[in-house]
Amino acid sequence: MWITSLPKIVRQEDADQGPYAIIMAPTRELAQQIEEETTKFAKALEIRTVAGIGGLSREEQGFRLRLGCEIVIATPGRLIDVLENRYLVLSRCTYIVLDEADRMIDMGFETEVQKILDFMPVTNQKPDTEEAEDEEKLLANFASKHKYRQTVMFTATMPPAVERLARSYLRRPAIVYIGSVGKPVERVEQMVYLLTESDKRKKLVEILNKGVEPPVIIFVNQKKGADVLAKGLEKMGFNSCTLHGGKGQEQREYALASLKSGAKDILVATDVAGRGIDIRNVSMVINYDMAKSIEDYTHRIGRTGRAGLHGKAVSRSRAA
């Protein structure tokens, strides 16, 4: 709302000062999905957005950034790249959003995130004083062109590293809990089978043969395992595709588009690529390989039971 209240000519004249808002996401897929959703309202409001992600030309993205925009959506690695190569400055950046903050930390982006936050101008930090919390002063500042920086972090879990990041860069933050902290939504029915390594594929095929409504996401722990499983399912007549860090950008986009359009019924994914993806109406998540942590498990099964719908999560635990 504040960005759109500024006259368009003001926004364009200050284009060399960088964007008003930065949205960071841990993976390319999530960054692209955020851009897709942002574009839906940005065009109507004449807000320009640019996505900065790996796998695509840095020079082309840098050219678009230099032309000016109000919102940048990026992964931490590419954002550091364009900042250090001076394709982007953050002189007027007022809003910072960290989506899936816990996943960013898990993927080793803590240093990059801190570095990006250090690129922010110190002039728009809200003073850590009681006076700065005065409601009238806060309202007056909100309408000002030189408003305080606002940092928003979204996280499904709150590990110590995320708490440390919040303490370092947030001033007296308001904390909003949605649902039970660190727990999956109650709309997801969870089932666990005790199976030996040799029996888990047989059980997977049995579940899929029961006529599960697509789309279905199957999580594995290794890239090679994803490819092997998907090929095996294809040979058995199942319509599957893979998504993992070893795939090129075009292959990853094709896999997601195929699942969303209904051209493919099953996505076999690793945590690195699958975390944060938003695919409508996923009826079931299958943990072919059990997640390595409760945080990963929570994020995996969070791909189903979204937007008020019910879903199922099936996991395999190793039998003694």
C-alpha atoms as a PDB file:
ATOM      1  CA  MET A   1       0.000   0.000   0.000  1.00  0.00           C
ATOM      2  CA  TRP A   2       2.780   2.444   0.882  1.00  0.00           C
ATOM      3  CA  ILE A   3       4.653   1.770  -2.373  1.00  0.00           C
ATOM      4  CA  THR A   4       1.552   2.360  -4.495  1.00  0.00           C
ATOM      5  CA  SER A   5       0.841   5.627  -2.647  1.00  0.00           C
ATOM      6  CA  LEU A   6       4.062   7.084  -4.049  1.00  0.00           C
ATOM      7  CA  PRO A   7       3.604   8.852  -7.409  1.00  0.00           C
ATOM      8  CA  LYS A   8       4.871   6.752 -10.301  1.00  0.00           C
ATOM      9  CA  ILE A   9       7.192   9.547 -11.434  1.00  0.00           C
ATOM     10  CA  VAL A  10       8.858   9.582  -7.990  1.00  0.00           C
ATOM     11  CA  ARG A  11       9.421   5.836  -8.126  1.00  0.00           C
ATOM     12  CA  GLN A  12      10.934   6.062 -11.603  1.00  0.00           C
ATOM     13  CA  GLU A  13      13.151   9.065 -10.834  1.00  0.00           C
ATOM     14  CA  ASP A  14      14.647   7.202  -7.865  1.00  0.00           C
ATOM     15  CA  ALA A  15      15.088   3.947  -9.804  1.00  0.00           C
ATOM     16  CA  ASP A  16      18.878   4.054  -9.417  1.00  0.00           C
ATOM     17  CA  GLN A  17      18.407   3.842  -5.636  1.00  0.00           C
ATOM     18  CA  GLY A  18      17.208   0.243  -5.890  1.00  0.00           C
ATOM     19  CA  PRO A  19      13.957  -1.489  -4.920  1.00  0.00           C
ATOM     20  CA  TYR A  20      11.634  -0.647  -2.050  1.00  0.00           C
ATOM     21  CA  ALA A  21      11.216  -4.312  -1.127  1.00  0.00           C
ATOM     22  CA  ILE A  22      13.256  -7.513  -1.224  1.00  0.00           C
ATOM     23  CA  ILE A  23      11.754 -10.974  -0.844  1.00  0.00           C
ATOM     24  CA  MET A  24      14.224 -13.800  -0.225  1.00  0.00           C
ATOM     25  CA  ALA A  25      13.432 -17.485  -0.738  1.00  0.00           C
ATOM     26  CA  PRO A  26      15.720 -20.514  -0.246  1.00  0.00           C
ATOM     27  CA  THR A  27      15.126 -22.168  -3.634  1.00  0.00           C
ATOM     28  CA  ARG A  28      14.658 -21.104  -7.244  1.00  0.00           C
ATOM     29  CA  GLU A  29      11.279 -22.828  -7.435  1.00  0.00           C
ATOM     30  CA  LEU A  30       9.888 -20.966  -4.433  1.00  0.00           C
ATOM     31  CA  ALA A  31      11.287 -17.643  -5.688  1.00  0.00           C
ATOM     32  CA  GLN A  32       9.622 -18.195  -9.067  1.00  0.00           C
ATOM     33  CA  GLN A  33       6.310 -19.085  -7.427  1.00  0.00           C
ATOM     34  CA  ILE A  34       6.439 -15.932  -5.325  1.00  0.00           C
ATOM     35  CA  GLU A  35       7.149 -13.895  -8.453  1.00  0.00           C
ATOM     36  CA  GLU A  36       4.172 -15.480 -10.238  1.00  0.00           C
ATOM     37  CA  GLU A  37       1.843 -14.558  -7.377  1.00  0.00           C
ATOM     38  CA  THR A  38       3.336 -11.066  -7.008  1.00  0.00           C
ATOM     39  CA  THR A  39       2.941 -10.342 -10.721  1.00  0.00           C
ATOM     40  CA  LYS A  40      -0.816 -10.967 -10.484  1.00  0.00           C
ATOM     41  CA  PHE A  41      -1.348  -7.741  -8.542  1.00  0.00           C
ATOM     42  CA  ALA A  42       1.860  -5.897  -9.463  1.00  0.00           C
ATOM     43  CA  LYS A  43       0.878  -5.320 -13.099  1.00  0.00           C
ATOM     44  CA  ALA A  44      -2.452  -3.777 -12.165  1.00  0.00           C
ATOM     45  CA  LEU A  45      -0.739  -1.530  -9.614  1.00  0.00           C
ATOM     46  CA  GLU A  46       2.101  -0.620 -12.013  1.00  0.00           C
ATOM     47  CA  ILE A  47       4.690  -2.139  -9.686  1.00  0.00           C
ATOM     48  CA  ARG A  48       7.735  -3.581 -11.417  1.00  0.00           C
ATOM     49  CA  THR A  49       9.199  -6.850 -10.148  1.00  0.00           C
ATOM     50  CA  VAL A  50      12.445  -8.653 -11.002  1.00  0.00           C
ATOM     51  CA  ALA A  51      13.394 -12.215 -10.026  1.00  0.00           C
ATOM     52  CA  GLY A  52      17.036 -12.980  -9.280  1.00  0.00           C
ATOM     53  CA  ILE A  53      17.714 -16.714  -9.354  1.00  0.00           C
ATOM     54  CA  GLY A  54      20.541 -19.022 -10.347  1.00  0.00           C
ATOM     55  CA  GLY A  55      20.385 -21.044 -13.533  1.00  0.00           C
ATOM     56  CA  LEU A  56      19.488 -17.972 -15.602  1.00  0.00           C
ATOM     57  CA  SER A  57      21.694 -15.250 -17.079  1.00  0.00           C
ATOM     58  CA  ARG A  58      23.092 -12.945 -14.395  1.00  0.00           C
ATOM     59  CA  GLU A  59      23.725 -10.253 -17.011  1.00  0.00           C
ATOM     60  CA  GLU A  60      20.116 -10.305 -18.209  1.00  0.00           C
ATOM     61  CA  GLN A  61      18.815 -10.109 -14.646  1.00  0.00           C
ATOM     62  CA  GLY A  62      21.342  -7.371 -13.892  1.00  0.00           C
ATOM     63  CA  PHE A  63      20.143  -5.350 -16.895  1.00  0.00           C
ATOM     64  CA  ARG A  64      16.541  -5.537 -15.666  1.00  0.00           C
ATOM     65  CA  LEU A  65      17.617  -4.519 -12.167  1.00  0.00           C
ATOM     66  CA  ARG A  66      19.434  -1.464 -13.496  1.00  0.00           C
ATOM     67  CA  LEU A  67      16.321  -0.409 -15.405  1.00  0.00           C
ATOM     68  CA  GLY A  68      14.648  -0.109 -12.014  1.00  0.00           C
ATOM     69  CA  CYS A  69      11.967  -1.954 -10.079  1.00  0.00           C
ATOM     70  CA  GLU A  70      10.006  -1.713  -6.860  1.00  0.00           C
ATOM     71  CA  ILE A  71      10.271  -5.357  -5.732  1.00  0.00           C
ATOM     72  CA  VAL A  72      13.089  -7.900  -6.070  1.00  0.00           C
ATOM     73  CA  ILE A  73      12.426 -11.603  -5.428  1.00  0.00           C
ATOM     74  CA  ALA A  74      15.615 -13.641  -5.166  1.00  0.00           C
ATOM     75  CA  THR A  75      17.562 -16.513  -3.677  1.00  0.00           C
ATOM     76  CA  PRO A  76      20.335 -15.471  -1.258  1.00  0.00           C
ATOM     77  CA  GLY A  77      23.158 -16.674  -3.514  1.00  0.00           C
ATOM     78  CA  ARG A  78      22.058 -14.719  -6.582  1.00  0.00           C
ATOM     79  CA  LEU A  79      21.177 -11.665  -4.492  1.00  0.00           C
ATOM     80  CA  ILE A  80      24.706 -11.543  -3.071  1.00  0.00           C
ATOM     81  CA  ASP A  81      26.046 -11.954  -6.609  1.00  0.00           C
ATOM     82  CA  VAL A  82      24.165  -8.961  -8.052  1.00  0.00           C
ATOM     83  CA  LEU A  83      24.925  -6.817  -4.992  1.00  0.00           C
ATOM     84  CA  GLU A  84      28.657  -7.505  -5.090  1.00  0.00           C
ATOM     85  CA  ASN A  85      28.759  -6.895  -8.855  1.00  0.00           C
ATOM     86  CA  ARG A  86      26.851  -3.620  -8.391  1.00  0.00           C
ATOM     87  CA  TYR A  87      23.870  -4.568 -10.506  1.00  0.00           C
ATOM     88  CA  LEU A  88      21.770  -3.676  -7.471  1.00  0.00           C
ATOM     89  CA  VAL A  89      21.893  -1.209  -4.578  1.00  0.00           C
ATOM     90  CA  LEU A  90      19.579  -1.089  -1.560  1.00  0.00           C
ATOM     91  CA  SER A  91      19.648   2.633  -0.798  1.00  0.00           C
ATOM     92  CA  ARG A  92      15.852   2.969  -0.525  1.00  0.00           C
ATOM     93  CA  CYS A  93      14.940  -0.585   0.513  1.00  0.00           C
ATOM     94  CA  THR A  94      12.310  -0.449   3.232  1.00  0.00           C
ATOM     95  CA  TYR A  95      10.787  -3.924   3.301  1.00  0.00           C
ATOM     96  CA  ILE A  96      12.639  -7.223   3.692  1.00  0.00           C
ATOM     97  CA  VAL A  97      10.822 -10.552   3.637  1.00  0.00           C
ATOM     98  CA  LEU A  98      12.532 -13.859   4.436  1.00  0.00           C
ATOM     99  CA  ASP A  99      10.314 -16.746   3.358  1.00  0.00           C
ATOM    100  CA  GLU A 100      11.122 -20.210   4.723  1.00  0.00           C
ATOM    101  CA  ALA A 101      13.790 -18.649   6.946  1.00  0.00           C
ATOM    102  CA  ASP A 102      14.493 -21.954   8.678  1.00  0.00           C
ATOM    103  CA  ARG A 103      15.124 -23.643   5.349  1.00  0.00           C
ATOM    104  CA  MET A 104      17.581 -20.915   4.365  1.00  0.00           C
ATOM    105  CA  ILE A 105      19.541 -21.657   7.525  1.00  0.00           C
ATOM    106  CA  ASP A 106      19.353 -25.434   6.931  1.00  0.00           C
ATOM    107  CA  MET A 107      20.765 -24.949   3.436  1.00  0.00           C
ATOM    108  CA  GLY A 108      23.740 -23.010   4.782  1.00  0.00           C
ATOM    109  CA  PHE A 109      22.602 -19.512   3.763  1.00  0.00           C
ATOM    110  CA  GLU A 110      22.932 -17.910   7.206  1.00  0.00           C
ATOM    111  CA  THR A 111      26.149 -16.064   6.280  1.00  0.00           C
ATOM    112  CA  GLU A 112      24.669 -14.865   2.966  1.00  0.00           C
ATOM    113  CA  VAL A 113      21.473 -13.641   4.641  1.00  0.00           C
ATOM    114  CA  GLN A 114      23.477 -11.719   7.247  1.00  0.00           C
ATOM    115  CA  LYS A 115      25.629 -10.217   4.492  1.00  0.00           C
ATOM    116  CA  ILE A 116      22.546  -9.087   2.550  1.00  0.00           C
ATOM    117  CA  LEU A 117      21.019  -7.514   5.649  1.00  0.00           C
ATOM    118  CA  ASP A 118      24.303  -5.685   6.221  1.00  0.00           C
ATOM    119  CA  PHE A 119      23.927  -4.136   2.732  1.00  0.00           C
ATOM    120  CA  MET A 120      20.785  -2.399   3.998  1.00  0.00           C
ATOM    121  CA  PRO A 121      21.104   1.301   4.865  1.00  0.00           C
ATOM    122  CA  VAL A 122      21.412   1.923   8.604  1.00  0.00           C
ATOM    123  CA  THR A 123      19.562   5.223   8.215  1.00  0.00           C
ATOM    124  CA  ASN A 124      16.142   3.550   8.122  1.00  0.00           C
ATOM    125  CA  GLN A 125      16.531   1.330  11.192  1.00  0.00           C
ATOM    126  CA  LYS A 126      13.956   1.986  13.876  1.00  0.00           C
ATOM    127  CA  PRO A 127      15.602   3.167  17.113  1.00  0.00           C
ATOM    128  CA  ASP A 128      15.420   0.576  19.873  1.00  0.00           C
ATOM    129  CA  THR A 129      13.770   2.971  22.331  1.00  0.00           C
ATOM    130  CA  GLU A 130      10.427   3.355  24.089  1.00  0.00           C
ATOM    131  CA  GLU A 131       9.935   6.709  22.363  1.00  0.00           C
ATOM    132  CA  ALA A 132      10.128   5.063  18.942  1.00  0.00           C
ATOM    133  CA  GLU A 133       7.254   2.755  19.958  1.00  0.00           C
ATOM    134  CA  ASP A 134       4.841   5.659  20.437  1.00  0.00           C
ATOM    135  CA  GLU A 135       1.744   4.944  18.297  1.00  0.00           C
ATOM    136  CA  GLU A 136       1.393   8.487  16.955  1.00  0.00           C
ATOM    137  CA  LYS A 137       5.042   8.599  15.910  1.00  0.00           C
ATOM    138  CA  LEU A 138       4.785   5.187  14.269  1.00  0.00           C
ATOM    139  CA  LEU A 139       1.737   6.302  12.268  1.00  0.00           C
ATOM    140  CA  ALA A 140       3.488   9.500  11.207  1.00  0.00           C
ATOM    141  CA  ASN A 141       6.540   7.528  10.153  1.00  0.00           C
ATOM    142  CA  PHE A 142       4.432   5.092   8.123  1.00  0.00           C
ATOM    143  CA  ALA A 143       3.214   7.952   5.926  1.00  0.00           C
ATOM    144  CA  SER A 144       6.716   9.382   5.579  1.00  0.00           C
ATOM    145  CA  LYS A 145       8.921   8.840   2.540  1.00  0.00           C
ATOM    146  CA  HIS A 146      11.745   8.004   4.951  1.00  0.00           C
ATOM    147  CA  LYS A 147       9.951   5.292   6.892  1.00  0.00           C
ATOM    148  CA  TYR A 148      11.519   2.733   9.173  1.00  0.00           C
ATOM    149  CA  ARG A 149      12.665  -0.527   7.701  1.00  0.00           C
ATOM    150  CA  GLN A 150      10.261  -3.437   8.189  1.00  0.00           C
ATOM    151  CA  THR A 151      11.631  -6.984   8.333  1.00  0.00           C
ATOM    152  CA  VAL A 152       9.284  -9.971   8.124  1.00  0.00           C
ATOM    153  CA  MET A 153      10.367 -13.578   8.641  1.00  0.00           C
ATOM    154  CA  PHE A 154       8.184 -16.588   7.813  1.00  0.00           C
ATOM    155  CA  THR A 155       9.259 -19.918   9.282  1.00  0.00           C
ATOM    156  CA  ALA A 156       7.548 -23.246   9.954  1.00  0.00           C
ATOM    157  CA  THR A 157      10.010 -24.102  12.729  1.00  0.00           C
ATOM    158  CA  MET A 158      12.122 -21.981  15.074  1.00  0.00           C
ATOM    159  CA  PRO A 159      15.582 -23.537  15.459  1.00  0.00           C
ATOM    160  CA  PRO A 160      18.243 -21.641  17.464  1.00  0.00           C
ATOM    161  CA  ALA A 161      19.896 -20.259  14.304  1.00  0.00           C
ATOM    162  CA  VAL A 162      16.644 -18.572  13.216  1.00  0.00           C
ATOM    163  CA  GLU A 163      16.150 -17.120  16.706  1.00  0.00           C
ATOM    164  CA  ARG A 164      19.708 -15.794  16.569  1.00  0.00           C
ATOM    165  CA  LEU A 165      19.041 -14.149  13.197  1.00  0.00           C
ATOM    166  CA  ALA A 166      15.827 -12.580  14.491  1.00  0.00           C
ATOM    167  CA  ARG A 167      17.530 -11.200  17.601  1.00  0.00           C
ATOM    168  CA  SER A 168      20.307  -9.675  15.505  1.00  0.00           C
ATOM    169  CA  TYR A 169      18.215  -7.898  12.875  1.00  0.00           C
ATOM    170  CA  LEU A 170      14.699  -7.339  14.253  1.00  0.00           C
ATOM    171  CA  ARG A 171      13.767  -4.504  16.616  1.00  0.00           C
ATOM    172  CA  ARG A 172      11.208  -5.532  19.265  1.00  0.00           C
ATOM    173  CA  PRO A 173       9.446  -7.900  16.864  1.00  0.00           C
ATOM    174  CA  ALA A 174       5.807  -8.921  17.042  1.00  0.00           C
ATOM    175  CA  ILE A 175       5.539 -12.716  16.880  1.00  0.00           C
ATOM    176  CA  VAL A 176       2.457 -14.261  15.253  1.00  0.00           C
ATOM    177  CA  TYR A 177       1.804 -17.988  15.627  1.00  0.00           C
ATOM    178  CA  ILE A 178      -0.482 -19.717  13.126  1.00  0.00           C
ATOM    179  CA  GLY A 179      -1.612 -23.154  14.274  1.00  0.00           C
ATOM    180  CA  SER A 180       0.537 -25.261  16.589  1.00  0.00           C
ATOM    181  CA  VAL A 181       4.190 -24.274  16.563  1.00  0.00           C
ATOM    182  CA  GLY A 182       6.381 -26.792  14.733  1.00  0.00           C
ATOM    183  CA  LYS A 183       3.473 -29.165  14.144  1.00  0.00           C
ATOM    184  CA  PRO A 184       1.736 -30.135  10.900  1.00  0.00           C
ATOM    185  CA  VAL A 185      -1.850 -29.070  10.348  1.00  0.00           C
ATOM    186  CA  GLU A 186      -4.553 -31.362  11.689  1.00  0.00           C
ATOM    187  CA  ARG A 187      -6.024 -31.747   8.200  1.00  0.00           C
ATOM    188  CA  VAL A 188      -3.142 -34.086   7.295  1.00  0.00           C
ATOM    189  CA  GLU A 189      -3.754 -37.741   8.131  1.00  0.00           C
ATOM    190  CA  GLN A 190      -0.403 -39.350   8.963  1.00  0.00           C
ATOM    191  CA  MET A 191       0.427 -43.038   8.555  1.00  0.00           C
ATOM    192  CA  VAL A 192       3.675 -44.913   9.209  1.00  0.00           C
ATOM    193  CA  TYR A 193       4.566 -48.407   7.933  1.00  0.00           C
ATOM    194  CA  LEU A 194       7.350 -50.498   9.466  1.00  0.00           C
ATOM    195  CA  LEU A 195       9.094 -51.997   6.448  1.00  0.00           C
ATOM    196  CA  THR A 196      12.408 -53.535   5.514  1.00  0.00           C
ATOM    197  CA  GLU A 197      14.463 -51.920   2.743  1.00  0.00           C
ATOM    198  CA  SER A 198      13.480 -54.699   0.331  1.00  0.00           C
ATOM    199  CA  ASP A 199       9.740 -54.277   1.003  1.00  0.00           C
ATOM    200  CA  LYS A 200       9.361 -50.508   0.735  1.00  0.00           C
ATOM    201  CA  ARG A 201       9.075 -50.340  -3.070  1.00  0.00           C
ATOM    202  CA  LYS A 202       6.447 -53.085  -3.031  1.00  0.00           C
ATOM    203  CA  LYS A 203       4.434 -51.096  -0.475  1.00  0.00           C
ATOM    204  CA  LEU A 204       4.808 -47.914  -2.522  1.00  0.00           C
ATOM    205  CA  VAL A 205       3.406 -49.604  -5.626  1.00  0.00           C
ATOM    206  CA  GLU A 206       0.583 -51.074  -3.549  1.00  0.00           C
ATOM    207  CA  ILE A 207      -0.375 -47.605  -2.290  1.00  0.00           C
ATOM    208  CA  LEU A 208      -0.239 -46.053  -5.760  1.00  0.00           C
ATOM    209  CA  ASN A 209      -2.283 -48.899  -7.259  1.00  0.00           C
ATOM    210  CA  LYS A 210      -5.140 -48.136  -4.871  1.00  0.00           C
ATOM    211  CA  GLY A 211      -6.041 -45.226  -7.112  1.00  0.00           C
ATOM    212  CA  VAL A 212      -4.552 -42.248  -5.291  1.00  0.00           C
ATOM    213  CA  GLU A 213      -5.833 -38.959  -6.683  1.00  0.00           C
ATOM    214  CA  PRO A 214      -2.990 -37.033  -8.368  1.00  0.00           C
ATOM    215  CA  PRO A 215      -0.876 -35.047  -7.853  1.00  0.00           C
ATOM    216  CA  VAL A 216       1.315 -37.040  -5.450  1.00  0.00           C
ATOM    217  CA  ILE A 217       4.750 -36.037  -4.131  1.00  0.00           C
ATOM    218  CA  ILE A 218       7.271 -38.712  -3.134  1.00  0.00           C
ATOM    219  CA  PHE A 219      10.271 -37.563  -1.096  1.00  0.00           C
ATOM    220  CA  VAL A 220      13.655 -39.292  -1.163  1.00  0.00           C
ATOM    221  CA  ASN A 221      16.971 -38.317   0.427  1.00  0.00           C
ATOM    222  CA  GLN A 222      19.328 -38.540  -2.568  1.00  0.00           C
ATOM    223  CA  LYS A 223      19.340 -37.245  -6.147  1.00  0.00           C
ATOM    224  CA  LYS A 224      20.337 -40.609  -7.591  1.00  0.00           C
ATOM    225  CA  GLY A 225      17.578 -42.301  -5.621  1.00  0.00           C
ATOM    226  CA  ALA A 226      15.030 -39.882  -7.093  1.00  0.00           C
ATOM    227  CA  ASP A 227      16.057 -40.689 -10.671  1.00  0.00           C
ATOM    228  CA  VAL A 228      16.141 -44.455 -10.069  1.00  0.00           C
ATOM    229  CA  LEU A 229      12.728 -44.487  -8.392  1.00  0.00           C
ATOM    230  CA  ALA A 230      11.082 -42.292 -11.043  1.00  0.00           C
ATOM    231  CA  LYS A 231      12.417 -44.481 -13.869  1.00  0.00           C
ATOM    232  CA  GLY A 232      11.180 -47.587 -12.071  1.00  0.00           C
ATOM    233  CA  LEU A 233       7.718 -46.088 -11.648  1.00  0.00           C
ATOM    234  CA  GLU A 234       7.619 -45.092 -15.326  1.00  0.00           C
ATOM    235  CA  LYS A 235       8.408 -48.684 -16.327  1.00  0.00           C
ATOM    236  CA  MET A 236       5.486 -49.856 -14.191  1.00  0.00           C
ATOM    237  CA  GLY A 237       3.134 -47.471 -15.992  1.00  0.00           C
ATOM    238  CA  PHE A 238       3.046 -44.574 -13.533  1.00  0.00           C
ATOM    239  CA  ASN A 239       3.335 -41.041 -14.912  1.00  0.00           C
ATOM    240  CA  SER A 240       6.215 -39.538 -12.911  1.00  0.00           C
ATOM    241  CA  CYS A 241       8.910 -36.851 -13.047  1.00  0.00           C
ATOM    242  CA  THR A 242      11.790 -35.767 -10.807  1.00  0.00           C
ATOM    243  CA  LEU A 243      12.897 -32.578  -9.087  1.00  0.00           C
ATOM    244  CA  HIS A 244      16.296 -32.279  -7.419  1.00  0.00           C
ATOM    245  CA  GLY A 245      19.389 -30.083  -7.258  1.00  0.00           C
ATOM    246  CA  GLY A 246      21.131 -31.989 -10.046  1.00  0.00           C
ATOM    247  CA  LYS A 247      18.559 -30.890 -12.618  1.00  0.00           C
ATOM    248  CA  GLY A 248      19.064 -27.847 -14.828  1.00  0.00           C
ATOM    249  CA  GLN A 249      16.748 -24.862 -14.499  1.00  0.00           C
ATOM    250  CA  GLU A 250      14.704 -25.756 -17.588  1.00  0.00           C
ATOM    251  CA  GLN A 251      14.285 -29.351 -16.397  1.00  0.00           C
ATOM    252  CA  ARG A 252      13.119 -28.196 -12.976  1.00  0.00           C
ATOM    253  CA  GLU A 253      10.625 -25.756 -14.469  1.00  0.00           C
ATOM    254  CA  TYR A 254       9.357 -28.442 -16.847  1.00  0.00           C
ATOM    255  CA  ALA A 255       8.829 -30.930 -13.995  1.00  0.00           C
ATOM    256  CA  LEU A 256       6.808 -28.443 -11.938  1.00  0.00           C
ATOM    257  CA  ALA A 257       4.783 -27.282 -14.942  1.00  0.00           C
ATOM    258  CA  SER A 258       4.021 -30.898 -15.894  1.00  0.00           C
ATOM    259  CA  LEU A 259       2.726 -31.693 -12.416  1.00  0.00           C
ATOM    260  CA  LYS A 260       0.655 -28.517 -12.187  1.00  0.00           C
ATOM    261  CA  SER A 261      -0.904 -29.027 -15.619  1.00  0.00           C
ATOM    262  CA  GLY A 262      -1.739 -32.683 -14.987  1.00  0.00           C
ATOM    263  CA  ALA A 263       0.663 -33.963 -17.652  1.00  0.00           C
ATOM    264  CA  LYS A 264       2.445 -35.837 -14.830  1.00  0.00           C
ATOM    265  CA  ASP A 265       0.797 -37.417 -11.786  1.00  0.00           C
ATOM    266  CA  ILE A 266       3.765 -38.071  -9.495  1.00  0.00           C
ATOM    267  CA  LEU A 267       6.720 -35.899  -8.501  1.00  0.00           C
ATOM    268  CA  VAL A 268       9.762 -37.605  -6.973  1.00  0.00           C
ATOM    269  CA  ALA A 269      11.745 -34.922  -5.152  1.00  0.00           C
ATOM    270  CA  THR A 270      14.552 -34.305  -2.684  1.00  0.00           C
ATOM    271  CA  ASP A 271      14.274 -31.887   0.234  1.00  0.00           C
ATOM    272  CA  VAL A 272      16.544 -29.294  -1.395  1.00  0.00           C
ATOM    273  CA  ALA A 273      14.305 -28.940  -4.453  1.00  0.00           C
ATOM    274  CA  GLY A 274      10.958 -29.897  -2.962  1.00  0.00           C
ATOM    275  CA  ARG A 275      10.875 -27.670   0.098  1.00  0.00           C
ATOM    276  CA  GLY A 276       8.608 -24.691  -0.348  1.00  0.00           C
ATOM    277  CA  ILE A 277       7.024 -25.732  -3.638  1.00  0.00           C
ATOM    278  CA  ASP A 278       3.344 -24.846  -3.773  1.00  0.00           C
ATOM    279  CA  ILE A 279       1.320 -27.237  -5.911  1.00  0.00           C
ATOM    280  CA  ARG A 280      -2.438 -27.120  -5.624  1.00  0.00           C
ATOM    281  CA  ASN A 281      -4.486 -30.074  -4.418  1.00  0.00           C
ATOM    282  CA  VAL A 282      -1.642 -32.474  -3.564  1.00  0.00           C
ATOM    283  CA  SER A 283      -3.626 -35.424  -2.189  1.00  0.00           C
ATOM    284  CA  MET A 284      -0.732 -37.373  -0.707  1.00  0.00           C
ATOM    285  CA  VAL A 285       2.886 -37.001   0.343  1.00  0.00           C
ATOM    286  CA  ILE A 286       4.933 -40.190   0.593  1.00  0.00           C
ATOM    287  CA  ASN A 287       8.190 -40.292   2.534  1.00  0.00           C
ATOM    288  CA  TYR A 288       9.862 -43.098   0.612  1.00  0.00           C
ATOM    289  CA  ASP A 289      12.992 -42.250   2.600  1.00  0.00           C
ATOM    290  CA  MET A 290      12.216 -40.968   6.088  1.00  0.00           C
ATOM    291  CA  ALA A 291      13.156 -37.342   6.697  1.00  0.00           C
ATOM    292  CA  LYS A 292      16.385 -36.783   8.617  1.00  0.00           C
ATOM    293  CA  SER A 293      14.875 -34.305  11.074  1.00  0.00           C
ATOM    294  CA  ILE A 294      11.488 -33.386  12.505  1.00  0.00           C
ATOM    295  CA  GLU A 295      11.777 -29.989  10.791  1.00  0.00           C
ATOM    296  CA  ASP A 296      12.241 -31.628   7.381  1.00  0.00           C
ATOM    297  CA  TYR A 297       9.360 -34.004   8.095  1.00  0.00           C
ATOM    298  CA  THR A 298       7.079 -31.102   9.010  1.00  0.00           C
ATOM    299  CA  HIS A 299       7.940 -29.252   5.810  1.00  0.00           C
ATOM    300  CA  ARG A 300       7.522 -32.338   3.634  1.00  0.00           C
ATOM    301  CA  ILE A 301       4.036 -33.221   4.786  1.00  0.00           C
ATOM    302  CA  GLY A 302       3.118 -29.541   4.656  1.00  0.00           C
ATOM    303  CA  ARG A 303       2.930 -29.906   0.864  1.00  0.00           C
ATOM    304  CA  THR A 304      -0.499 -31.523   1.334  1.00  0.00           C
ATOM    305  CA  GLY A 305      -3.529 -30.409   3.334  1.00  0.00           C
ATOM    306  CA  ARG A 306      -3.142 -26.832   2.106  1.00  0.00           C
ATOM    307  CA  ALA A 307      -5.725 -24.092   1.548  1.00  0.00           C
ATOM    308  CA  GLY A 308      -8.282 -25.765   3.831  1.00  0.00           C
ATOM    309  CA  LEU A 309      -8.132 -29.136   2.058  1.00  0.00           C
ATOM    310  CA  HIS A 310      -7.393 -32.524   3.621  1.00  0.00           C
ATOM    311  CA  GLY A 311      -4.410 -34.669   2.698  1.00  0.00           C
ATOM    312  CA  LYS A 312      -2.516 -37.814   3.612  1.00  0.00           C
ATOM    313  CA  ALA A 313       1.123 -38.341   4.544  1.00  0.00           C
ATOM    314  CA  VAL A 314       2.555 -41.849   4.339  1.00  0.00           C
ATOM    315  CA  SER A 315       5.991 -42.647   5.759  1.00  0.00           C
ATOM    316  CA  ARG A 316       8.152 -45.714   5.945  1.00  0.00           C
ATOM    317  CA  SER A 317      10.169 -46.468   9.052  1.00  0.00           C
ATOM    318  CA  ARG A 318      12.783 -49.194   9.055  1.00  0.00           C
ATOM    319  CA  ALA A 319      11.627 -52.467  10.602  1.00  0.00           C
ATOM    320  CA  ALA A 320      13.977 -54.091  13.118  1.00  0.00           C
END
